[in-house]
Amino acid sequence: MKSKAWTEKFMQGVFFVAACASVLAVVLICVFLFANGIPAMREIGFVKFITGELWRPSNEIFGIFPMIIGSLYVTAGAIIFGVPIGILTSVFMAMYCPKRIYRPLKAATELLAGIPSVVYGFFGLVVVVPIVRDFGAFLRQAGIVEKAGNGNSILTASLILGMMILPTIIGTTESAMRAVPAHYYEGSLALGATKERSIFRVIIPAAKSGVIAGIVLGIGRAIGETMAVIMIVGNQARITTSMLEGIRTLTGNIVIEMGYATGLHREALIATGVVLFVFILIINFSVALLKRRADHE
């Protein structure tokens, strides 16, 4: 009996140390980012740094507004392409999928999460970029757009990121739908609703906290993606309104220039990481808020 009590106390201590290590890692990251990034923002000027439209390190001009807009563009594009497909796939897997193909389909969606981002980048570079380039040339010939672009564009990055966030959305949404009590669905059918109406008017609203959480987590994945994006997005630090032109994201800006940056330039890149970190914190806070609201409902 004493041995069992000692084992429980020992394991409790192990779990406590593991939890403290996780918290400590987050604290150290925050300290490093803010200790190195805030002085750069103060020297450059916070408003000038956030709203500046020029990024010219050689002239000590550091404005990350084009990168903020670029990150928002590709993230919004990923949501437009990825969220409907992810939710509809989840509906099929939870409500329509035959048992004999469920396992292969589930394995395929989980495999998407395990594919390295550089592989997605190669796929986009070899397959998606030429398609977007030809699509842009067609639109230009039709007089719809003025510039066709070379295929490295916001549209290309949005398509690839939309593909990359599918596993997160599908897994979370399917789990949330399966957690809805069966009598909700059965009661809706008993009242005369069709299967589709029962799914979209009863099941999905009942699982909305999980659905929204999956979407928000997908946004976090899209806004933080680096390698695949820098391979296909063009990496031009500019503001554009055309989906067929290239831009630069916050993560891409850090990766491209950190290797040779020194002095204020390096600190400005770390400050860019601070801005990105704040975006991720806002996303995580939104997930926590949505879950808390769902628990009170």
C-alpha atoms as a PDB file:
ATOM      1  CA  MET A   1       0.000   0.000   0.000  1.00  0.00           C
ATOM      2  CA  LYS A   2       2.827   2.372   0.880  1.00  0.00           C
ATOM      3  CA  SER A   3       4.581   1.470  -2.375  1.00  0.00           C
ATOM      4  CA  LYS A   4       1.438   2.320  -4.348  1.00  0.00           C
ATOM      5  CA  ALA A   5       1.077   5.684  -2.561  1.00  0.00           C
ATOM      6  CA  TRP A   6       4.741   6.494  -3.231  1.00  0.00           C
ATOM      7  CA  THR A   7       4.324   5.617  -6.910  1.00  0.00           C
ATOM      8  CA  GLU A   8       1.297   7.887  -7.203  1.00  0.00           C
ATOM      9  CA  LYS A   9       3.164  10.772  -5.572  1.00  0.00           C
ATOM     10  CA  PHE A  10       6.171  10.203  -7.831  1.00  0.00           C
ATOM     11  CA  MET A  11       4.038  10.216 -10.982  1.00  0.00           C
ATOM     12  CA  GLN A  12       2.207  13.289  -9.746  1.00  0.00           C
ATOM     13  CA  GLY A  13       5.578  14.998  -9.451  1.00  0.00           C
ATOM     14  CA  VAL A  14       6.555  13.868 -12.973  1.00  0.00           C
ATOM     15  CA  PHE A  15       3.337  15.261 -14.413  1.00  0.00           C
ATOM     16  CA  PHE A  16       3.827  18.519 -12.509  1.00  0.00           C
ATOM     17  CA  VAL A  17       7.377  18.902 -13.852  1.00  0.00           C
ATOM     18  CA  ALA A  18       6.157  18.232 -17.395  1.00  0.00           C
ATOM     19  CA  ALA A  19       3.438  20.872 -17.038  1.00  0.00           C
ATOM     20  CA  CYS A  20       5.939  23.376 -15.640  1.00  0.00           C
ATOM     21  CA  ALA A  21       8.324  22.661 -18.528  1.00  0.00           C
ATOM     22  CA  SER A  22       5.568  23.461 -21.035  1.00  0.00           C
ATOM     23  CA  VAL A  23       4.714  26.713 -19.279  1.00  0.00           C
ATOM     24  CA  LEU A  24       8.394  27.610 -18.962  1.00  0.00           C
ATOM     25  CA  ALA A  25       8.923  27.081 -22.693  1.00  0.00           C
ATOM     26  CA  VAL A  26       6.118  29.515 -23.502  1.00  0.00           C
ATOM     27  CA  VAL A  27       7.447  32.058 -20.979  1.00  0.00           C
ATOM     28  CA  LEU A  28      10.976  31.860 -22.409  1.00  0.00           C
ATOM     29  CA  ILE A  29       9.704  32.359 -25.948  1.00  0.00           C
ATOM     30  CA  CYS A  30       7.680  35.386 -24.857  1.00  0.00           C
ATOM     31  CA  VAL A  31      10.630  36.865 -22.976  1.00  0.00           C
ATOM     32  CA  PHE A  32      12.985  36.386 -25.930  1.00  0.00           C
ATOM     33  CA  LEU A  33      10.585  37.872 -28.476  1.00  0.00           C
ATOM     34  CA  PHE A  34       9.473  40.867 -26.474  1.00  0.00           C
ATOM     35  CA  ALA A  35      12.927  41.609 -25.009  1.00  0.00           C
ATOM     36  CA  ASN A  36      14.433  41.749 -28.500  1.00  0.00           C
ATOM     37  CA  GLY A  37      11.452  43.038 -30.470  1.00  0.00           C
ATOM     38  CA  ILE A  38      10.067  45.865 -28.318  1.00  0.00           C
ATOM     39  CA  PRO A  39      13.309  47.930 -28.389  1.00  0.00           C
ATOM     40  CA  ALA A  40      13.306  47.746 -32.196  1.00  0.00           C
ATOM     41  CA  MET A  41       9.675  48.913 -32.328  1.00  0.00           C
ATOM     42  CA  ARG A  42      10.551  51.757 -29.959  1.00  0.00           C
ATOM     43  CA  GLU A  43      13.521  52.831 -32.091  1.00  0.00           C
ATOM     44  CA  ILE A  44      11.659  52.588 -35.398  1.00  0.00           C
ATOM     45  CA  GLY A  45       8.378  53.872 -34.011  1.00  0.00           C
ATOM     46  CA  PHE A  46       5.497  51.508 -33.313  1.00  0.00           C
ATOM     47  CA  VAL A  47       3.002  53.223 -35.637  1.00  0.00           C
ATOM     48  CA  LYS A  48       5.621  53.664 -38.347  1.00  0.00           C
ATOM     49  CA  PHE A  49       6.628  50.022 -38.026  1.00  0.00           C
ATOM     50  CA  ILE A  50       3.071  48.665 -38.202  1.00  0.00           C
ATOM     51  CA  THR A  51       1.641  51.025 -40.828  1.00  0.00           C
ATOM     52  CA  GLY A  52       4.741  51.696 -42.938  1.00  0.00           C
ATOM     53  CA  GLU A  53       4.403  50.541 -46.534  1.00  0.00           C
ATOM     54  CA  LEU A  54       8.124  50.372 -47.392  1.00  0.00           C
ATOM     55  CA  TRP A  55      10.555  47.670 -46.314  1.00  0.00           C
ATOM     56  CA  ARG A  56      14.085  48.762 -47.218  1.00  0.00           C
ATOM     57  CA  PRO A  57      16.591  47.482 -44.655  1.00  0.00           C
ATOM     58  CA  SER A  58      19.536  49.009 -46.541  1.00  0.00           C
ATOM     59  CA  ASN A  59      18.009  52.460 -45.889  1.00  0.00           C
ATOM     60  CA  GLU A  60      16.819  51.494 -42.396  1.00  0.00           C
ATOM     61  CA  ILE A  61      13.184  51.801 -43.476  1.00  0.00           C
ATOM     62  CA  PHE A  62      11.113  49.100 -41.807  1.00  0.00           C
ATOM     63  CA  GLY A  63       7.394  49.025 -42.541  1.00  0.00           C
ATOM     64  CA  ILE A  64       5.605  45.694 -42.281  1.00  0.00           C
ATOM     65  CA  PHE A  65       2.119  46.763 -43.360  1.00  0.00           C
ATOM     66  CA  PRO A  66       2.480  45.038 -46.789  1.00  0.00           C
ATOM     67  CA  MET A  67       3.451  41.801 -45.026  1.00  0.00           C
ATOM     68  CA  ILE A  68       0.510  42.067 -42.628  1.00  0.00           C
ATOM     69  CA  ILE A  69      -1.854  42.548 -45.553  1.00  0.00           C
ATOM     70  CA  GLY A  70      -0.154  39.694 -47.427  1.00  0.00           C
ATOM     71  CA  SER A  71      -0.607  37.327 -44.484  1.00  0.00           C
ATOM     72  CA  LEU A  72      -4.264  38.321 -44.200  1.00  0.00           C
ATOM     73  CA  TYR A  73      -4.780  37.824 -47.947  1.00  0.00           C
ATOM     74  CA  VAL A  74      -3.419  34.284 -48.088  1.00  0.00           C
ATOM     75  CA  THR A  75      -5.142  33.339 -44.817  1.00  0.00           C
ATOM     76  CA  ALA A  76      -8.493  34.640 -46.065  1.00  0.00           C
ATOM     77  CA  GLY A  77      -7.978  32.787 -49.343  1.00  0.00           C
ATOM     78  CA  ALA A  78      -7.193  29.583 -47.459  1.00  0.00           C
ATOM     79  CA  ILE A  79     -10.404  29.992 -45.466  1.00  0.00           C
ATOM     80  CA  ILE A  80     -12.464  30.527 -48.630  1.00  0.00           C
ATOM     81  CA  PHE A  81     -11.068  27.411 -50.295  1.00  0.00           C
ATOM     82  CA  GLY A  82     -10.487  25.164 -47.294  1.00  0.00           C
ATOM     83  CA  VAL A  83     -13.392  25.726 -44.921  1.00  0.00           C
ATOM     84  CA  PRO A  84     -16.321  24.715 -47.205  1.00  0.00           C
ATOM     85  CA  ILE A  85     -14.475  21.627 -48.443  1.00  0.00           C
ATOM     86  CA  GLY A  86     -13.428  20.682 -44.915  1.00  0.00           C
ATOM     87  CA  ILE A  87     -16.918  21.041 -43.437  1.00  0.00           C
ATOM     88  CA  LEU A  88     -18.608  19.174 -46.297  1.00  0.00           C
ATOM     89  CA  THR A  89     -16.029  16.392 -46.064  1.00  0.00           C
ATOM     90  CA  SER A  90     -16.717  16.160 -42.331  1.00  0.00           C
ATOM     91  CA  VAL A  91     -20.455  15.911 -43.000  1.00  0.00           C
ATOM     92  CA  PHE A  92     -19.859  13.093 -45.469  1.00  0.00           C
ATOM     93  CA  MET A  93     -17.567  11.195 -43.108  1.00  0.00           C
ATOM     94  CA  ALA A  94     -19.839  11.586 -40.093  1.00  0.00           C
ATOM     95  CA  MET A  95     -23.232  11.086 -41.729  1.00  0.00           C
ATOM     96  CA  TYR A  96     -22.956   9.510 -45.190  1.00  0.00           C
ATOM     97  CA  CYS A  97     -19.686   7.592 -45.515  1.00  0.00           C
ATOM     98  CA  PRO A  98     -20.037   3.783 -45.945  1.00  0.00           C
ATOM     99  CA  LYS A  99     -18.023   1.783 -43.428  1.00  0.00           C
ATOM    100  CA  ARG A 100     -15.906   0.088 -46.098  1.00  0.00           C
ATOM    101  CA  ILE A 101     -14.414   3.362 -47.312  1.00  0.00           C
ATOM    102  CA  TYR A 102     -14.381   5.258 -44.020  1.00  0.00           C
ATOM    103  CA  ARG A 103     -11.032   3.901 -42.859  1.00  0.00           C
ATOM    104  CA  PRO A 104      -9.171   4.664 -46.132  1.00  0.00           C
ATOM    105  CA  LEU A 105     -10.747   8.129 -46.259  1.00  0.00           C
ATOM    106  CA  LYS A 106      -9.902   8.811 -42.614  1.00  0.00           C
ATOM    107  CA  ALA A 107      -6.330   7.642 -43.174  1.00  0.00           C
ATOM    108  CA  ALA A 108      -6.024   9.872 -46.246  1.00  0.00           C
ATOM    109  CA  THR A 109      -7.204  12.979 -44.388  1.00  0.00           C
ATOM    110  CA  GLU A 110      -4.836  12.239 -41.510  1.00  0.00           C
ATOM    111  CA  LEU A 111      -1.986  11.696 -43.966  1.00  0.00           C
ATOM    112  CA  LEU A 112      -2.501  15.253 -45.226  1.00  0.00           C
ATOM    113  CA  ALA A 113      -1.479  16.483 -41.776  1.00  0.00           C
ATOM    114  CA  GLY A 114       1.741  14.452 -41.884  1.00  0.00           C
ATOM    115  CA  ILE A 115       2.995  15.648 -45.265  1.00  0.00           C
ATOM    116  CA  PRO A 116       5.917  18.096 -44.792  1.00  0.00           C
ATOM    117  CA  SER A 117       5.176  21.663 -45.802  1.00  0.00           C
ATOM    118  CA  VAL A 118       8.082  21.667 -48.256  1.00  0.00           C
ATOM    119  CA  VAL A 119       6.335  18.860 -50.155  1.00  0.00           C
ATOM    120  CA  TYR A 120       3.226  21.008 -50.397  1.00  0.00           C
ATOM    121  CA  GLY A 121       5.494  23.764 -51.674  1.00  0.00           C
ATOM    122  CA  PHE A 122       6.984  21.536 -54.360  1.00  0.00           C
ATOM    123  CA  PHE A 123       3.504  20.396 -55.398  1.00  0.00           C
ATOM    124  CA  GLY A 124       2.369  24.000 -55.664  1.00  0.00           C
ATOM    125  CA  LEU A 125       5.499  24.992 -57.585  1.00  0.00           C
ATOM    126  CA  VAL A 126       5.264  22.165 -60.119  1.00  0.00           C
ATOM    127  CA  VAL A 127       1.491  21.705 -60.465  1.00  0.00           C
ATOM    128  CA  VAL A 128      -0.495  24.685 -59.168  1.00  0.00           C
ATOM    129  CA  VAL A 129       1.769  27.541 -60.334  1.00  0.00           C
ATOM    130  CA  PRO A 130       1.541  26.582 -64.063  1.00  0.00           C
ATOM    131  CA  ILE A 131      -2.241  26.195 -63.781  1.00  0.00           C
ATOM    132  CA  VAL A 132      -2.615  29.629 -62.166  1.00  0.00           C
ATOM    133  CA  ARG A 133      -0.237  31.123 -64.740  1.00  0.00           C
ATOM    134  CA  ASP A 134      -2.361  29.756 -67.609  1.00  0.00           C
ATOM    135  CA  PHE A 135      -5.526  30.894 -65.838  1.00  0.00           C
ATOM    136  CA  GLY A 136      -4.104  34.403 -65.501  1.00  0.00           C
ATOM    137  CA  ALA A 137      -3.113  34.446 -69.190  1.00  0.00           C
ATOM    138  CA  PHE A 138      -6.655  33.415 -70.123  1.00  0.00           C
ATOM    139  CA  LEU A 139      -8.168  36.192 -67.992  1.00  0.00           C
ATOM    140  CA  ARG A 140      -5.787  38.711 -69.539  1.00  0.00           C
ATOM    141  CA  GLN A 141      -6.704  37.639 -73.068  1.00  0.00           C
ATOM    142  CA  ALA A 142     -10.358  37.942 -72.136  1.00  0.00           C
ATOM    143  CA  GLY A 143      -9.716  41.499 -70.912  1.00  0.00           C
ATOM    144  CA  ILE A 144     -10.764  40.719 -67.341  1.00  0.00           C
ATOM    145  CA  VAL A 145      -7.403  41.549 -65.757  1.00  0.00           C
ATOM    146  CA  GLU A 146      -4.501  43.745 -66.821  1.00  0.00           C
ATOM    147  CA  LYS A 147      -1.654  41.607 -65.472  1.00  0.00           C
ATOM    148  CA  ALA A 148      -1.563  37.844 -65.725  1.00  0.00           C
ATOM    149  CA  GLY A 149       1.339  37.257 -63.334  1.00  0.00           C
ATOM    150  CA  ASN A 150       3.790  34.379 -63.429  1.00  0.00           C
ATOM    151  CA  GLY A 151       1.773  31.973 -61.279  1.00  0.00           C
ATOM    152  CA  ASN A 152       3.547  32.783 -57.990  1.00  0.00           C
ATOM    153  CA  SER A 153       0.649  34.623 -56.457  1.00  0.00           C
ATOM    154  CA  ILE A 154      -1.863  35.045 -53.668  1.00  0.00           C
ATOM    155  CA  LEU A 155      -4.219  32.645 -55.446  1.00  0.00           C
ATOM    156  CA  THR A 156      -1.608  29.884 -55.581  1.00  0.00           C
ATOM    157  CA  ALA A 157      -0.707  30.281 -51.907  1.00  0.00           C
ATOM    158  CA  SER A 158      -4.393  30.331 -50.950  1.00  0.00           C
ATOM    159  CA  LEU A 159      -5.050  27.057 -52.773  1.00  0.00           C
ATOM    160  CA  ILE A 160      -2.107  25.293 -51.145  1.00  0.00           C
ATOM    161  CA  LEU A 161      -2.876  26.656 -47.674  1.00  0.00           C
ATOM    162  CA  GLY A 162      -6.524  25.692 -48.129  1.00  0.00           C
ATOM    163  CA  MET A 163      -5.306  22.151 -48.780  1.00  0.00           C
ATOM    164  CA  MET A 164      -2.997  22.233 -45.747  1.00  0.00           C
ATOM    165  CA  ILE A 165      -5.692  23.277 -43.264  1.00  0.00           C
ATOM    166  CA  LEU A 166      -8.110  20.548 -44.355  1.00  0.00           C
ATOM    167  CA  PRO A 167      -6.938  17.920 -41.799  1.00  0.00           C
ATOM    168  CA  THR A 168      -7.425  20.320 -38.895  1.00  0.00           C
ATOM    169  CA  ILE A 169     -10.903  21.358 -39.972  1.00  0.00           C
ATOM    170  CA  ILE A 170     -12.028  17.854 -40.946  1.00  0.00           C
ATOM    171  CA  GLY A 171     -10.787  16.174 -37.767  1.00  0.00           C
ATOM    172  CA  THR A 172     -12.205  18.762 -35.372  1.00  0.00           C
ATOM    173  CA  THR A 173     -15.537  19.163 -37.168  1.00  0.00           C
ATOM    174  CA  GLU A 174     -16.142  15.431 -37.540  1.00  0.00           C
ATOM    175  CA  SER A 175     -15.415  14.837 -33.850  1.00  0.00           C
ATOM    176  CA  ALA A 176     -17.770  17.658 -32.874  1.00  0.00           C
ATOM    177  CA  MET A 177     -20.549  16.280 -35.078  1.00  0.00           C
ATOM    178  CA  ARG A 178     -20.173  12.762 -33.690  1.00  0.00           C
ATOM    179  CA  ALA A 179     -20.376  14.185 -30.154  1.00  0.00           C
ATOM    180  CA  VAL A 180     -23.882  15.549 -30.792  1.00  0.00           C
ATOM    181  CA  PRO A 181     -26.480  13.285 -29.093  1.00  0.00           C
ATOM    182  CA  ALA A 182     -28.194  10.969 -31.580  1.00  0.00           C
ATOM    183  CA  HIS A 183     -31.677  11.940 -30.404  1.00  0.00           C
ATOM    184  CA  TYR A 184     -31.167  15.464 -31.819  1.00  0.00           C
ATOM    185  CA  TYR A 185     -30.903  14.024 -35.304  1.00  0.00           C
ATOM    186  CA  GLU A 186     -33.589  11.403 -34.766  1.00  0.00           C
ATOM    187  CA  GLY A 187     -35.998  13.968 -33.336  1.00  0.00           C
ATOM    188  CA  SER A 188     -35.496  16.230 -36.337  1.00  0.00           C
ATOM    189  CA  LEU A 189     -36.259  13.365 -38.711  1.00  0.00           C
ATOM    190  CA  ALA A 190     -39.300  12.430 -36.648  1.00  0.00           C
ATOM    191  CA  LEU A 191     -40.655  15.963 -37.075  1.00  0.00           C
ATOM    192  CA  GLY A 192     -40.503  15.573 -40.851  1.00  0.00           C
ATOM    193  CA  ALA A 193     -37.209  17.258 -41.709  1.00  0.00           C
ATOM    194  CA  THR A 194     -35.079  15.805 -44.487  1.00  0.00           C
ATOM    195  CA  LYS A 195     -31.690  14.304 -43.744  1.00  0.00           C
ATOM    196  CA  GLU A 196     -29.859  17.292 -45.229  1.00  0.00           C
ATOM    197  CA  ARG A 197     -32.011  19.778 -43.335  1.00  0.00           C
ATOM    198  CA  SER A 198     -31.460  17.875 -40.089  1.00  0.00           C
ATOM    199  CA  ILE A 199     -27.698  17.971 -40.615  1.00  0.00           C
ATOM    200  CA  PHE A 200     -27.397  21.663 -41.494  1.00  0.00           C
ATOM    201  CA  ARG A 201     -30.124  22.976 -39.168  1.00  0.00           C
ATOM    202  CA  VAL A 202     -29.636  20.707 -36.154  1.00  0.00           C
ATOM    203  CA  ILE A 203     -26.357  18.765 -36.105  1.00  0.00           C
ATOM    204  CA  ILE A 204     -23.976  21.480 -37.294  1.00  0.00           C
ATOM    205  CA  PRO A 205     -25.514  24.233 -35.082  1.00  0.00           C
ATOM    206  CA  ALA A 206     -25.290  21.855 -32.110  1.00  0.00           C
ATOM    207  CA  ALA A 207     -21.622  21.229 -32.938  1.00  0.00           C
ATOM    208  CA  LYS A 208     -20.855  24.873 -33.720  1.00  0.00           C
ATOM    209  CA  SER A 209     -18.266  25.288 -30.977  1.00  0.00           C
ATOM    210  CA  GLY A 210     -16.190  22.442 -32.414  1.00  0.00           C
ATOM    211  CA  VAL A 211     -16.711  23.635 -35.975  1.00  0.00           C
ATOM    212  CA  ILE A 212     -15.619  27.177 -35.150  1.00  0.00           C
ATOM    213  CA  ALA A 213     -12.679  25.875 -33.131  1.00  0.00           C
ATOM    214  CA  GLY A 214     -11.539  23.842 -36.132  1.00  0.00           C
ATOM    215  CA  ILE A 215     -11.810  26.875 -38.395  1.00  0.00           C
ATOM    216  CA  VAL A 216      -9.876  29.078 -35.977  1.00  0.00           C
ATOM    217  CA  LEU A 217      -7.156  26.444 -35.561  1.00  0.00           C
ATOM    218  CA  GLY A 218      -6.971  26.214 -39.349  1.00  0.00           C
ATOM    219  CA  ILE A 219      -6.494  29.975 -39.485  1.00  0.00           C
ATOM    220  CA  GLY A 220      -3.638  29.636 -37.007  1.00  0.00           C
ATOM    221  CA  ARG A 221      -2.022  26.991 -39.220  1.00  0.00           C
ATOM    222  CA  ALA A 222      -2.433  29.132 -42.333  1.00  0.00           C
ATOM    223  CA  ILE A 223      -1.114  32.382 -40.858  1.00  0.00           C
ATOM    224  CA  GLY A 224       1.922  30.635 -39.368  1.00  0.00           C
ATOM    225  CA  GLU A 225       2.903  28.573 -42.417  1.00  0.00           C
ATOM    226  CA  THR A 226       6.278  29.476 -43.904  1.00  0.00           C
ATOM    227  CA  MET A 227       8.112  27.064 -46.189  1.00  0.00           C
ATOM    228  CA  ALA A 228       5.287  26.201 -48.577  1.00  0.00           C
ATOM    229  CA  VAL A 229       4.256  29.845 -48.833  1.00  0.00           C
ATOM    230  CA  ILE A 230       7.662  31.329 -49.644  1.00  0.00           C
ATOM    231  CA  MET A 231       8.058  28.794 -52.459  1.00  0.00           C
ATOM    232  CA  ILE A 232       4.908  29.873 -54.299  1.00  0.00           C
ATOM    233  CA  VAL A 233       3.768  33.338 -53.187  1.00  0.00           C
ATOM    234  CA  GLY A 234       6.298  35.498 -55.050  1.00  0.00           C
ATOM    235  CA  ASN A 235       7.771  37.214 -51.936  1.00  0.00           C
ATOM    236  CA  GLN A 236       7.366  40.824 -53.094  1.00  0.00           C
ATOM    237  CA  ALA A 237       6.940  43.270 -50.215  1.00  0.00           C
ATOM    238  CA  ARG A 238       4.101  45.288 -51.725  1.00  0.00           C
ATOM    239  CA  ILE A 239       0.384  45.925 -51.439  1.00  0.00           C
ATOM    240  CA  THR A 240      -1.738  44.608 -54.271  1.00  0.00           C
ATOM    241  CA  THR A 241      -5.418  43.994 -54.899  1.00  0.00           C
ATOM    242  CA  SER A 242      -4.906  41.306 -57.552  1.00  0.00           C
ATOM    243  CA  MET A 243      -5.054  37.640 -56.591  1.00  0.00           C
ATOM    244  CA  LEU A 244      -2.733  36.887 -59.511  1.00  0.00           C
ATOM    245  CA  GLU A 245       0.178  38.953 -58.191  1.00  0.00           C
ATOM    246  CA  GLY A 246       2.777  38.006 -55.626  1.00  0.00           C
ATOM    247  CA  ILE A 247       3.126  39.347 -52.083  1.00  0.00           C
ATOM    248  CA  ARG A 248       5.191  38.627 -48.980  1.00  0.00           C
ATOM    249  CA  THR A 249       3.927  37.298 -45.664  1.00  0.00           C
ATOM    250  CA  LEU A 250       5.190  37.980 -42.147  1.00  0.00           C
ATOM    251  CA  THR A 251       6.681  34.515 -41.791  1.00  0.00           C
ATOM    252  CA  GLY A 252       8.247  34.661 -45.238  1.00  0.00           C
ATOM    253  CA  ASN A 253       9.826  38.021 -44.469  1.00  0.00           C
ATOM    254  CA  ILE A 254      11.534  36.609 -41.378  1.00  0.00           C
ATOM    255  CA  VAL A 255      12.816  33.439 -43.056  1.00  0.00           C
ATOM    256  CA  ILE A 256      14.102  35.135 -46.194  1.00  0.00           C
ATOM    257  CA  GLU A 257      16.156  37.828 -44.456  1.00  0.00           C
ATOM    258  CA  MET A 258      17.113  36.458 -41.049  1.00  0.00           C
ATOM    259  CA  GLY A 259      20.170  34.626 -42.429  1.00  0.00           C
ATOM    260  CA  TYR A 260      22.062  37.832 -43.239  1.00  0.00           C
ATOM    261  CA  ALA A 261      20.346  40.430 -41.027  1.00  0.00           C
ATOM    262  CA  THR A 262      22.367  42.324 -38.422  1.00  0.00           C
ATOM    263  CA  GLY A 263      21.791  45.188 -35.991  1.00  0.00           C
ATOM    264  CA  LEU A 264      18.494  47.014 -36.298  1.00  0.00           C
ATOM    265  CA  HIS A 265      17.528  44.902 -39.311  1.00  0.00           C
ATOM    266  CA  ARG A 266      17.713  41.726 -37.216  1.00  0.00           C
ATOM    267  CA  GLU A 267      15.808  43.319 -34.363  1.00  0.00           C
ATOM    268  CA  ALA A 268      13.111  44.475 -36.803  1.00  0.00           C
ATOM    269  CA  LEU A 269      12.692  40.895 -37.998  1.00  0.00           C
ATOM    270  CA  ILE A 270      12.319  39.752 -34.393  1.00  0.00           C
ATOM    271  CA  ALA A 271       9.748  42.525 -33.916  1.00  0.00           C
ATOM    272  CA  THR A 272       7.932  41.075 -36.936  1.00  0.00           C
ATOM    273  CA  GLY A 273       7.866  37.804 -35.034  1.00  0.00           C
ATOM    274  CA  VAL A 274       6.313  39.657 -32.088  1.00  0.00           C
ATOM    275  CA  VAL A 275       3.487  40.886 -34.324  1.00  0.00           C
ATOM    276  CA  LEU A 276       2.955  37.355 -35.631  1.00  0.00           C
ATOM    277  CA  PHE A 277       3.029  35.993 -32.083  1.00  0.00           C
ATOM    278  CA  VAL A 278       0.362  38.473 -31.032  1.00  0.00           C
ATOM    279  CA  PHE A 279      -1.811  37.356 -33.951  1.00  0.00           C
ATOM    280  CA  ILE A 280      -1.498  33.729 -32.810  1.00  0.00           C
ATOM    281  CA  LEU A 281      -2.334  34.722 -29.218  1.00  0.00           C
ATOM    282  CA  ILE A 282      -5.465  36.474 -30.447  1.00  0.00           C
ATOM    283  CA  ILE A 283      -6.470  33.349 -32.367  1.00  0.00           C
ATOM    284  CA  ASN A 284      -5.900  31.089 -29.344  1.00  0.00           C
ATOM    285  CA  PHE A 285      -7.796  33.520 -27.109  1.00  0.00           C
ATOM    286  CA  SER A 286     -10.677  33.421 -29.584  1.00  0.00           C
ATOM    287  CA  VAL A 287     -10.776  29.610 -29.398  1.00  0.00           C
ATOM    288  CA  ALA A 288     -10.805  29.710 -25.588  1.00  0.00           C
ATOM    289  CA  LEU A 289     -13.558  32.318 -25.601  1.00  0.00           C
ATOM    290  CA  LEU A 290     -15.694  30.302 -28.011  1.00  0.00           C
ATOM    291  CA  LYS A 291     -15.283  27.137 -25.927  1.00  0.00           C
ATOM    292  CA  ARG A 292     -16.184  29.002 -22.734  1.00  0.00           C
ATOM    293  CA  ARG A 293     -19.269  30.473 -24.369  1.00  0.00           C
ATOM    294  CA  ALA A 294     -20.304  27.037 -25.649  1.00  0.00           C
ATOM    295  CA  ASP A 295     -19.912  25.557 -22.154  1.00  0.00           C
ATOM    296  CA  HIS A 296     -22.256  28.187 -20.703  1.00  0.00           C
ATOM    297  CA  GLU A 297     -24.921  27.641 -23.349  1.00  0.00           C
END
